[in-house]
Amino acid sequence: MREKLLQCFKEVPIVAAAKSEAELEQCLKSRSRVIFLLFGDICTIASMVRRVKEAGKMAIVHLDLIDGLAPKDVSVDFIESATEADGIITTKSALIRYANQKGMLTIQRYFLLDSRVLDNLSRTGCPADFLEVLPGVMPKIIRHLVETTGKPIIAGGMIRDKEDVQNALSAGAVAVSSTNDKAWS
């Protein structure tokens, strides 16, 4: 699954991310081959994933943002058994490890708030297949993480336009995620 995602990023290095039903509709029409689902609940997530899959795109569910799911292994089990999701995003290392044991595609999201977070991430590593770093408008930091972590980096957060996308990709990010449809083209 990791290789499939990397191939999608080679074809279109933009991830369309949806925080609402209206945004999901826009994502489904976008050129992006990958959609991050950043909203929903346990009653709607399976049908949302199905719509993404029917559109011929990969569906990655942000576990932490789905109402009714707790930061527990059973939430990973639910996404795996009740949806056709291609993978998960979470900020929780324990959920990443558990999902990896189950063979799921994993993306760990990091909020780079200060140098301590950056140092810990660079030093301790991460078991996820991919890292998503926010804000994604820090090319120098993205370059540093590419060099120190050995993980594919997805830049997200604060990506507003073509220049932000180009800067992140030039710094070594494999893709850029954004809810801003202006950044998708």
N, C-alpha and C. Protein backbone atom coordinates (compact mmCIF):
# COMPACT_ATOMS: atom_id res chain seq x y z
N MET A 1 0.82 -1.19 0.00
CA MET A 1 0.00 0.00 0.00
C MET A 1 0.88 1.27 0.00
N ARG A 2 2.01 1.17 0.71
CA ARG A 2 2.93 2.31 0.76
C ARG A 2 3.40 2.69 -0.64
N GLU A 3 3.75 1.68 -1.44
CA GLU A 3 4.22 1.93 -2.80
C GLU A 3 3.11 2.50 -3.68
N LYS A 4 1.89 2.04 -3.47
CA LYS A 4 0.76 2.57 -4.22
C LYS A 4 0.57 4.06 -3.92
N LEU A 5 0.68 4.43 -2.65
CA LEU A 5 0.54 5.83 -2.27
C LEU A 5 1.67 6.67 -2.87
N LEU A 6 2.89 6.16 -2.81
CA LEU A 6 4.01 6.88 -3.41
C LEU A 6 3.80 7.08 -4.91
N GLN A 7 3.25 6.06 -5.59
CA GLN A 7 2.97 6.19 -7.01
C GLN A 7 1.91 7.27 -7.27
N CYS A 8 0.89 7.30 -6.45
CA CYS A 8 -0.14 8.35 -6.58
C CYS A 8 0.50 9.73 -6.42
N PHE A 9 1.41 9.86 -5.46
CA PHE A 9 2.08 11.14 -5.23
C PHE A 9 2.98 11.53 -6.40
N LYS A 10 3.58 10.54 -7.07
CA LYS A 10 4.41 10.84 -8.24
C LYS A 10 3.55 11.40 -9.37
N GLU A 11 2.34 10.87 -9.49
CA GLU A 11 1.43 11.31 -10.55
C GLU A 11 0.82 12.67 -10.22
N VAL A 12 0.34 12.84 -9.00
CA VAL A 12 -0.24 14.11 -8.55
C VAL A 12 0.18 14.30 -7.10
N PRO A 13 1.14 15.20 -6.83
CA PRO A 13 1.67 15.34 -5.46
C PRO A 13 0.81 16.20 -4.53
N ILE A 14 -0.47 16.28 -4.83
CA ILE A 14 -1.39 17.07 -4.01
C ILE A 14 -2.43 16.14 -3.41
N VAL A 15 -2.62 16.25 -2.09
CA VAL A 15 -3.67 15.52 -1.39
C VAL A 15 -4.80 16.50 -1.13
N ALA A 16 -5.96 16.20 -1.65
CA ALA A 16 -7.14 17.01 -1.36
C ALA A 16 -7.68 16.54 -0.01
N ALA A 17 -7.84 17.47 0.92
CA ALA A 17 -8.31 17.12 2.26
C ALA A 17 -9.67 17.75 2.49
N ALA A 18 -10.56 17.00 3.13
CA ALA A 18 -11.93 17.46 3.35
C ALA A 18 -12.26 17.54 4.83
N LYS A 19 -12.79 18.70 5.24
CA LYS A 19 -13.26 18.90 6.61
C LYS A 19 -14.78 19.02 6.69
N SER A 20 -15.45 18.88 5.55
CA SER A 20 -16.91 18.99 5.52
C SER A 20 -17.44 18.26 4.30
N GLU A 21 -18.74 18.07 4.26
CA GLU A 21 -19.38 17.40 3.14
C GLU A 21 -19.17 18.19 1.84
N ALA A 22 -19.29 19.52 1.91
CA ALA A 22 -19.09 20.34 0.71
C ALA A 22 -17.65 20.21 0.20
N GLU A 23 -16.69 20.19 1.12
CA GLU A 23 -15.29 20.03 0.71
C GLU A 23 -15.04 18.64 0.13
N LEU A 24 -15.71 17.63 0.68
CA LEU A 24 -15.56 16.28 0.13
C LEU A 24 -16.03 16.25 -1.32
N GLU A 25 -17.13 16.91 -1.61
CA GLU A 25 -17.63 16.97 -2.99
C GLU A 25 -16.58 17.58 -3.92
N GLN A 26 -15.93 18.65 -3.46
CA GLN A 26 -14.87 19.28 -4.26
C GLN A 26 -13.69 18.33 -4.43
N CYS A 27 -13.31 17.64 -3.36
CA CYS A 27 -12.19 16.69 -3.42
C CYS A 27 -12.44 15.59 -4.44
N LEU A 28 -13.67 15.10 -4.47
CA LEU A 28 -14.01 14.01 -5.39
C LEU A 28 -13.85 14.45 -6.84
N LYS A 29 -14.01 15.73 -7.12
CA LYS A 29 -13.88 16.27 -8.48
C LYS A 29 -12.46 16.72 -8.80
N SER A 30 -11.60 16.73 -7.81
CA SER A 30 -10.23 17.23 -8.00
C SER A 30 -9.37 16.22 -8.77
N ARG A 31 -8.21 16.68 -9.21
CA ARG A 31 -7.23 15.81 -9.88
C ARG A 31 -6.51 14.91 -8.89
N SER A 32 -6.57 15.26 -7.63
CA SER A 32 -5.85 14.51 -6.60
C SER A 32 -6.24 13.04 -6.63
N ARG A 33 -5.26 12.17 -6.47
CA ARG A 33 -5.50 10.74 -6.45
C ARG A 33 -5.72 10.23 -5.03
N VAL A 34 -5.51 11.13 -4.03
CA VAL A 34 -5.59 10.75 -2.62
C VAL A 34 -6.44 11.79 -1.90
N ILE A 35 -7.33 11.31 -1.04
CA ILE A 35 -8.16 12.22 -0.24
C ILE A 35 -7.98 11.88 1.23
N PHE A 36 -7.70 12.92 2.03
CA PHE A 36 -7.67 12.79 3.47
C PHE A 36 -9.05 13.17 4.00
N LEU A 37 -9.67 12.28 4.74
CA LEU A 37 -10.97 12.55 5.36
C LEU A 37 -10.73 13.04 6.78
N LEU A 38 -11.02 14.32 7.00
CA LEU A 38 -10.74 14.99 8.27
C LEU A 38 -12.02 15.30 9.04
N PHE A 39 -13.07 14.57 8.77
CA PHE A 39 -14.35 14.78 9.45
C PHE A 39 -15.18 13.51 9.33
N GLY A 40 -16.30 13.51 10.01
CA GLY A 40 -17.22 12.39 9.94
C GLY A 40 -17.44 11.77 11.31
N ASP A 41 -18.21 10.72 11.33
CA ASP A 41 -18.47 10.00 12.57
C ASP A 41 -18.60 8.53 12.26
N ILE A 42 -18.78 7.74 13.28
CA ILE A 42 -18.80 6.29 13.07
C ILE A 42 -19.99 5.83 12.23
N CYS A 43 -21.00 6.68 12.12
CA CYS A 43 -22.16 6.32 11.30
C CYS A 43 -21.98 6.67 9.83
N THR A 44 -21.09 7.62 9.52
CA THR A 44 -20.95 8.09 8.15
C THR A 44 -19.62 7.75 7.47
N ILE A 45 -18.61 7.39 8.24
CA ILE A 45 -17.27 7.25 7.66
C ILE A 45 -17.20 6.16 6.60
N ALA A 46 -17.88 5.04 6.79
CA ALA A 46 -17.82 3.96 5.79
C ALA A 46 -18.38 4.41 4.46
N SER A 47 -19.50 5.13 4.47
CA SER A 47 -20.09 5.58 3.20
C SER A 47 -19.24 6.67 2.55
N MET A 48 -18.58 7.51 3.36
CA MET A 48 -17.70 8.54 2.79
C MET A 48 -16.51 7.87 2.12
N VAL A 49 -15.91 6.89 2.78
CA VAL A 49 -14.78 6.17 2.20
C VAL A 49 -15.22 5.49 0.90
N ARG A 50 -16.39 4.89 0.90
CA ARG A 50 -16.89 4.22 -0.30
C ARG A 50 -17.01 5.20 -1.46
N ARG A 51 -17.48 6.41 -1.21
CA ARG A 51 -17.60 7.42 -2.27
C ARG A 51 -16.22 7.78 -2.83
N VAL A 52 -15.24 7.89 -1.95
CA VAL A 52 -13.88 8.19 -2.40
C VAL A 52 -13.37 7.06 -3.28
N LYS A 53 -13.57 5.83 -2.84
CA LYS A 53 -13.11 4.67 -3.60
C LYS A 53 -13.83 4.57 -4.95
N GLU A 54 -15.13 4.86 -4.98
CA GLU A 54 -15.89 4.83 -6.23
C GLU A 54 -15.39 5.89 -7.21
N ALA A 55 -14.79 6.96 -6.69
CA ALA A 55 -14.23 8.01 -7.54
C ALA A 55 -12.83 7.63 -8.02
N GLY A 56 -12.35 6.43 -7.63
CA GLY A 56 -11.06 5.96 -8.09
C GLY A 56 -9.88 6.56 -7.34
N LYS A 57 -10.11 6.99 -6.11
CA LYS A 57 -9.08 7.64 -5.31
C LYS A 57 -8.78 6.82 -4.06
N MET A 58 -7.62 7.08 -3.48
CA MET A 58 -7.27 6.45 -2.21
C MET A 58 -7.90 7.26 -1.08
N ALA A 59 -8.40 6.57 -0.07
CA ALA A 59 -9.05 7.21 1.08
C ALA A 59 -8.22 6.96 2.33
N ILE A 60 -7.79 8.06 2.96
CA ILE A 60 -7.03 7.98 4.21
C ILE A 60 -7.87 8.69 5.28
N VAL A 61 -8.16 7.99 6.36
CA VAL A 61 -9.04 8.50 7.41
C VAL A 61 -8.20 9.03 8.58
N HIS A 62 -8.48 10.28 8.95
CA HIS A 62 -7.81 10.85 10.13
C HIS A 62 -8.58 10.38 11.36
N LEU A 63 -8.04 9.35 11.99
CA LEU A 63 -8.68 8.66 13.11
C LEU A 63 -9.08 9.61 14.24
N ASP A 64 -8.22 10.58 14.55
CA ASP A 64 -8.44 11.48 15.68
C ASP A 64 -9.63 12.42 15.46
N LEU A 65 -10.06 12.59 14.22
CA LEU A 65 -11.10 13.57 13.90
C LEU A 65 -12.46 12.94 13.60
N ILE A 66 -12.58 11.64 13.78
CA ILE A 66 -13.85 10.96 13.53
C ILE A 66 -14.62 10.85 14.84
N ASP A 67 -15.76 11.52 14.90
CA ASP A 67 -16.59 11.49 16.11
C ASP A 67 -17.02 10.05 16.44
N GLY A 68 -16.92 9.70 17.70
CA GLY A 68 -17.32 8.39 18.15
C GLY A 68 -16.16 7.41 18.27
N LEU A 69 -15.00 7.79 17.76
CA LEU A 69 -13.82 6.94 17.89
C LEU A 69 -12.93 7.49 19.00
N ALA A 70 -12.35 6.59 19.76
CA ALA A 70 -11.46 6.96 20.85
C ALA A 70 -10.03 6.61 20.45
N PRO A 71 -9.05 7.19 21.11
CA PRO A 71 -7.66 6.86 20.77
C PRO A 71 -7.26 5.48 21.33
N LYS A 72 -7.92 4.47 20.81
CA LYS A 72 -7.70 3.09 21.26
C LYS A 72 -7.59 2.16 20.06
N ASP A 73 -6.97 1.01 20.29
CA ASP A 73 -6.77 0.03 19.23
C ASP A 73 -8.07 -0.34 18.53
N VAL A 74 -9.15 -0.39 19.26
CA VAL A 74 -10.43 -0.78 18.67
C VAL A 74 -10.87 0.19 17.57
N SER A 75 -10.44 1.43 17.63
CA SER A 75 -10.76 2.38 16.56
C SER A 75 -10.04 2.00 15.27
N VAL A 76 -8.81 1.55 15.39
CA VAL A 76 -8.07 1.06 14.22
C VAL A 76 -8.79 -0.17 13.66
N ASP A 77 -9.19 -1.08 14.56
CA ASP A 77 -9.93 -2.27 14.14
C ASP A 77 -11.20 -1.90 13.40
N PHE A 78 -11.90 -0.89 13.91
CA PHE A 78 -13.15 -0.44 13.28
C PHE A 78 -12.89 0.06 11.86
N ILE A 79 -11.90 0.92 11.69
CA ILE A 79 -11.62 1.47 10.36
C ILE A 79 -11.23 0.35 9.41
N GLU A 80 -10.45 -0.59 9.89
CA GLU A 80 -10.02 -1.70 9.04
C GLU A 80 -11.19 -2.60 8.64
N SER A 81 -12.07 -2.92 9.59
CA SER A 81 -13.12 -3.90 9.31
C SER A 81 -14.41 -3.29 8.75
N ALA A 82 -14.70 -2.05 9.08
CA ALA A 82 -15.99 -1.46 8.69
C ALA A 82 -15.90 -0.51 7.50
N THR A 83 -14.67 -0.23 7.02
CA THR A 83 -14.53 0.68 5.88
C THR A 83 -13.56 0.06 4.88
N GLU A 84 -13.48 0.67 3.72
CA GLU A 84 -12.52 0.26 2.70
C GLU A 84 -11.32 1.22 2.68
N ALA A 85 -11.08 1.91 3.79
CA ALA A 85 -10.01 2.91 3.85
C ALA A 85 -8.66 2.28 3.49
N ASP A 86 -7.85 3.07 2.80
CA ASP A 86 -6.51 2.62 2.43
C ASP A 86 -5.51 2.80 3.56
N GLY A 87 -5.85 3.65 4.54
CA GLY A 87 -4.94 3.87 5.65
C GLY A 87 -5.51 4.87 6.63
N ILE A 88 -4.69 5.17 7.64
CA ILE A 88 -5.10 6.10 8.69
C ILE A 88 -4.05 7.18 8.90
N ILE A 89 -4.52 8.29 9.45
CA ILE A 89 -3.68 9.37 9.97
C ILE A 89 -4.01 9.47 11.45
N THR A 90 -3.00 9.69 12.26
CA THR A 90 -3.22 9.96 13.68
C THR A 90 -1.99 10.66 14.25
N THR A 91 -2.18 11.32 15.37
CA THR A 91 -1.05 11.90 16.09
C THR A 91 -0.54 10.94 17.15
N LYS A 92 -1.21 9.83 17.32
CA LYS A 92 -0.92 8.89 18.41
C LYS A 92 0.03 7.78 17.97
N SER A 93 1.23 7.75 18.54
CA SER A 93 2.23 6.75 18.18
C SER A 93 1.76 5.32 18.47
N ALA A 94 1.05 5.13 19.56
CA ALA A 94 0.57 3.78 19.90
C ALA A 94 -0.39 3.25 18.83
N LEU A 95 -1.24 4.11 18.30
CA LEU A 95 -2.16 3.68 17.24
C LEU A 95 -1.41 3.40 15.94
N ILE A 96 -0.37 4.17 15.68
CA ILE A 96 0.47 3.91 14.50
C ILE A 96 1.10 2.52 14.61
N ARG A 97 1.68 2.23 15.77
CA ARG A 97 2.31 0.91 15.96
C ARG A 97 1.29 -0.22 15.78
N TYR A 98 0.11 -0.06 16.37
CA TYR A 98 -0.91 -1.10 16.27
C TYR A 98 -1.37 -1.28 14.82
N ALA A 99 -1.62 -0.18 14.13
CA ALA A 99 -2.05 -0.25 12.73
C ALA A 99 -0.96 -0.89 11.86
N ASN A 100 0.29 -0.58 12.15
CA ASN A 100 1.40 -1.21 11.41
C ASN A 100 1.39 -2.72 11.61
N GLN A 101 1.14 -3.17 12.84
CA GLN A 101 1.09 -4.61 13.12
C GLN A 101 -0.01 -5.29 12.30
N LYS A 102 -1.06 -4.55 12.02
CA LYS A 102 -2.17 -5.08 11.24
C LYS A 102 -1.94 -4.95 9.74
N GLY A 103 -0.81 -4.33 9.37
CA GLY A 103 -0.47 -4.18 7.96
C GLY A 103 -1.14 -3.00 7.28
N MET A 104 -1.65 -2.06 8.06
CA MET A 104 -2.31 -0.89 7.48
C MET A 104 -1.29 0.19 7.10
N LEU A 105 -1.65 1.01 6.13
CA LEU A 105 -0.86 2.17 5.76
C LEU A 105 -1.04 3.22 6.86
N THR A 106 0.07 3.82 7.31
CA THR A 106 -0.01 4.76 8.42
C THR A 106 0.69 6.08 8.09
N ILE A 107 0.05 7.15 8.54
CA ILE A 107 0.61 8.50 8.43
C ILE A 107 0.51 9.12 9.82
N GLN A 108 1.64 9.52 10.36
CA GLN A 108 1.62 10.18 11.67
C GLN A 108 1.72 11.68 11.45
N ARG A 109 0.79 12.39 12.05
CA ARG A 109 0.73 13.85 11.92
C ARG A 109 1.46 14.48 13.10
N TYR A 110 2.32 15.43 12.78
CA TYR A 110 3.08 16.17 13.79
C TYR A 110 2.83 17.66 13.63
N PHE A 111 2.54 18.30 14.74
CA PHE A 111 2.43 19.76 14.78
C PHE A 111 3.78 20.29 15.25
N LEU A 112 4.51 20.95 14.37
CA LEU A 112 5.86 21.43 14.68
C LEU A 112 5.76 22.78 15.36
N LEU A 113 5.50 22.73 16.66
CA LEU A 113 5.27 23.94 17.44
C LEU A 113 6.54 24.62 17.90
N ASP A 114 7.59 23.82 18.11
CA ASP A 114 8.85 24.40 18.60
C ASP A 114 10.00 23.45 18.29
N SER A 115 11.20 23.88 18.62
CA SER A 115 12.39 23.09 18.29
C SER A 115 12.44 21.78 19.07
N ARG A 116 11.79 21.71 20.21
CA ARG A 116 11.78 20.47 20.98
C ARG A 116 11.07 19.35 20.22
N VAL A 117 9.94 19.67 19.61
CA VAL A 117 9.21 18.68 18.81
C VAL A 117 10.07 18.24 17.63
N LEU A 118 10.68 19.20 16.97
CA LEU A 118 11.54 18.90 15.83
C LEU A 118 12.72 18.01 16.24
N ASP A 119 13.37 18.33 17.34
CA ASP A 119 14.50 17.54 17.81
C ASP A 119 14.07 16.13 18.18
N ASN A 120 12.96 15.99 18.88
CA ASN A 120 12.47 14.66 19.26
C ASN A 120 12.14 13.82 18.04
N LEU A 121 11.49 14.42 17.08
CA LEU A 121 11.13 13.70 15.86
C LEU A 121 12.37 13.26 15.10
N SER A 122 13.33 14.15 14.98
CA SER A 122 14.57 13.83 14.26
C SER A 122 15.38 12.77 14.99
N ARG A 123 15.35 12.79 16.31
CA ARG A 123 16.18 11.89 17.12
C ARG A 123 15.55 10.52 17.34
N THR A 124 14.27 10.50 17.66
CA THR A 124 13.64 9.25 18.08
C THR A 124 13.04 8.45 16.94
N GLY A 125 12.79 9.07 15.82
CA GLY A 125 12.19 8.35 14.71
C GLY A 125 10.70 8.12 14.92
N CYS A 126 10.11 7.43 13.98
CA CYS A 126 8.67 7.18 14.01
C CYS A 126 8.38 5.92 13.21
N PRO A 127 7.49 5.07 13.70
CA PRO A 127 7.20 3.83 12.99
C PRO A 127 6.25 3.99 11.79
N ALA A 128 5.69 5.18 11.59
CA ALA A 128 4.71 5.38 10.51
C ALA A 128 5.35 5.24 9.14
N ASP A 129 4.53 4.92 8.15
CA ASP A 129 5.00 4.85 6.77
C ASP A 129 5.35 6.23 6.23
N PHE A 130 4.55 7.23 6.62
CA PHE A 130 4.73 8.61 6.18
C PHE A 130 4.58 9.52 7.38
N LEU A 131 5.18 10.71 7.29
CA LEU A 131 4.99 11.75 8.29
C LEU A 131 4.28 12.91 7.62
N GLU A 132 3.27 13.43 8.29
CA GLU A 132 2.64 14.68 7.82
C GLU A 132 3.03 15.74 8.82
N VAL A 133 3.64 16.82 8.34
CA VAL A 133 4.10 17.87 9.23
C VAL A 133 3.31 19.15 8.97
N LEU A 134 2.91 19.78 10.07
CA LEU A 134 2.16 21.02 10.00
C LEU A 134 2.84 22.06 10.88
N PRO A 135 2.98 23.30 10.48
CA PRO A 135 2.59 23.80 9.17
C PRO A 135 3.57 23.37 8.10
N GLY A 136 3.08 23.26 6.89
CA GLY A 136 3.87 22.77 5.78
C GLY A 136 4.57 23.85 4.98
N VAL A 137 4.60 25.06 5.50
CA VAL A 137 5.19 26.19 4.78
C VAL A 137 6.58 26.52 5.31
N MET A 138 7.31 25.48 5.73
CA MET A 138 8.66 25.67 6.28
C MET A 138 9.65 24.81 5.50
N PRO A 139 10.06 25.26 4.31
CA PRO A 139 10.94 24.43 3.48
C PRO A 139 12.22 23.99 4.17
N LYS A 140 12.83 24.85 4.94
CA LYS A 140 14.09 24.51 5.61
C LYS A 140 13.86 23.35 6.60
N ILE A 141 12.77 23.38 7.31
CA ILE A 141 12.44 22.33 8.28
C ILE A 141 12.07 21.03 7.55
N ILE A 142 11.33 21.14 6.47
CA ILE A 142 10.98 19.95 5.68
C ILE A 142 12.25 19.27 5.19
N ARG A 143 13.18 20.05 4.66
CA ARG A 143 14.45 19.51 4.18
C ARG A 143 15.18 18.78 5.31
N HIS A 144 15.20 19.39 6.48
CA HIS A 144 15.86 18.79 7.65
C HIS A 144 15.21 17.44 8.00
N LEU A 145 13.88 17.38 8.00
CA LEU A 145 13.18 16.14 8.35
C LEU A 145 13.39 15.05 7.30
N VAL A 146 13.43 15.43 6.04
CA VAL A 146 13.70 14.46 4.99
C VAL A 146 15.07 13.83 5.23
N GLU A 147 16.04 14.66 5.59
CA GLU A 147 17.41 14.17 5.81
C GLU A 147 17.55 13.35 7.09
N THR A 148 16.85 13.73 8.16
CA THR A 148 17.08 13.09 9.46
C THR A 148 16.15 11.92 9.76
N THR A 149 14.96 11.89 9.18
CA THR A 149 14.02 10.82 9.53
C THR A 149 14.05 9.65 8.55
N GLY A 150 14.42 9.91 7.32
CA GLY A 150 14.38 8.85 6.32
C GLY A 150 12.97 8.46 5.92
N LYS A 151 11.99 9.25 6.31
CA LYS A 151 10.58 8.97 6.00
C LYS A 151 10.08 9.92 4.92
N PRO A 152 9.14 9.46 4.10
CA PRO A 152 8.50 10.38 3.16
C PRO A 152 7.69 11.42 3.95
N ILE A 153 7.84 12.66 3.56
CA ILE A 153 7.19 13.77 4.27
C ILE A 153 6.05 14.32 3.43
N ILE A 154 4.91 14.51 4.08
CA ILE A 154 3.76 15.20 3.50
C ILE A 154 3.66 16.53 4.23
N ALA A 155 3.67 17.62 3.49
CA ALA A 155 3.56 18.95 4.09
C ALA A 155 2.09 19.35 4.11
N GLY A 156 1.59 19.76 5.27
CA GLY A 156 0.19 20.15 5.39
C GLY A 156 0.06 21.38 6.26
N GLY A 157 -1.07 21.99 6.23
CA GLY A 157 -1.32 23.14 7.08
C GLY A 157 -0.72 24.43 6.53
N MET A 158 -1.54 25.41 6.35
CA MET A 158 -1.15 26.74 5.89
C MET A 158 -0.72 26.75 4.41
N ILE A 159 -0.98 25.70 3.69
CA ILE A 159 -0.67 25.66 2.26
C ILE A 159 -1.79 26.40 1.54
N ARG A 160 -1.44 27.55 0.94
CA ARG A 160 -2.49 28.40 0.36
C ARG A 160 -2.46 28.53 -1.15
N ASP A 161 -1.27 28.34 -1.75
CA ASP A 161 -1.19 28.61 -3.19
C ASP A 161 -0.07 27.79 -3.83
N LYS A 162 0.08 28.02 -5.13
CA LYS A 162 1.07 27.29 -5.92
C LYS A 162 2.49 27.45 -5.37
N GLU A 163 2.82 28.64 -4.93
CA GLU A 163 4.16 28.90 -4.39
C GLU A 163 4.42 28.05 -3.15
N ASP A 164 3.44 27.95 -2.25
CA ASP A 164 3.60 27.12 -1.06
C ASP A 164 3.82 25.65 -1.45
N VAL A 165 3.05 25.19 -2.43
CA VAL A 165 3.18 23.81 -2.90
C VAL A 165 4.57 23.58 -3.47
N GLN A 166 5.01 24.46 -4.36
CA GLN A 166 6.32 24.31 -5.00
C GLN A 166 7.45 24.35 -3.97
N ASN A 167 7.35 25.24 -2.99
CA ASN A 167 8.40 25.33 -1.96
C ASN A 167 8.50 24.04 -1.16
N ALA A 168 7.36 23.48 -0.77
CA ALA A 168 7.38 22.24 0.02
C ALA A 168 7.93 21.08 -0.80
N LEU A 169 7.50 20.96 -2.05
CA LEU A 169 7.98 19.87 -2.90
C LEU A 169 9.47 20.04 -3.22
N SER A 170 9.90 21.26 -3.45
CA SER A 170 11.33 21.52 -3.72
C SER A 170 12.20 21.20 -2.51
N ALA A 171 11.62 21.30 -1.32
CA ALA A 171 12.37 20.99 -0.09
C ALA A 171 12.45 19.49 0.17
N GLY A 172 11.73 18.70 -0.62
CA GLY A 172 11.82 17.25 -0.46
C GLY A 172 10.55 16.55 -0.04
N ALA A 173 9.47 17.29 0.22
CA ALA A 173 8.20 16.64 0.55
C ALA A 173 7.74 15.81 -0.65
N VAL A 174 7.16 14.64 -0.39
CA VAL A 174 6.65 13.81 -1.48
C VAL A 174 5.28 14.27 -1.93
N ALA A 175 4.61 15.02 -1.04
CA ALA A 175 3.27 15.52 -1.36
C ALA A 175 2.93 16.67 -0.42
N VAL A 176 1.86 17.36 -0.78
CA VAL A 176 1.32 18.45 0.02
C VAL A 176 -0.15 18.18 0.23
N SER A 177 -0.64 18.32 1.47
CA SER A 177 -2.07 18.16 1.74
C SER A 177 -2.67 19.52 2.05
N SER A 178 -3.89 19.72 1.54
CA SER A 178 -4.53 21.01 1.78
C SER A 178 -6.04 20.89 1.63
N THR A 179 -6.74 21.66 2.43
CA THR A 179 -8.18 21.79 2.25
C THR A 179 -8.50 22.94 1.31
N ASN A 180 -7.49 23.70 0.92
CA ASN A 180 -7.66 24.87 0.06
C ASN A 180 -7.64 24.43 -1.40
N ASP A 181 -8.77 24.50 -2.07
CA ASP A 181 -8.83 24.04 -3.45
C ASP A 181 -7.96 24.86 -4.40
N LYS A 182 -7.57 26.07 -4.00
CA LYS A 182 -6.66 26.88 -4.84
C LYS A 182 -5.27 26.24 -4.90
N ALA A 183 -4.91 25.47 -3.89
CA ALA A 183 -3.60 24.81 -3.85
C ALA A 183 -3.60 23.50 -4.63
N TRP A 184 -4.77 23.02 -5.04
CA TRP A 184 -4.87 21.73 -5.70
C TRP A 184 -4.48 21.77 -7.17
N SER A 185 -4.54 22.95 -7.78
CA SER A 185 -4.30 23.00 -9.24
C SER A 185 -2.89 23.44 -9.56
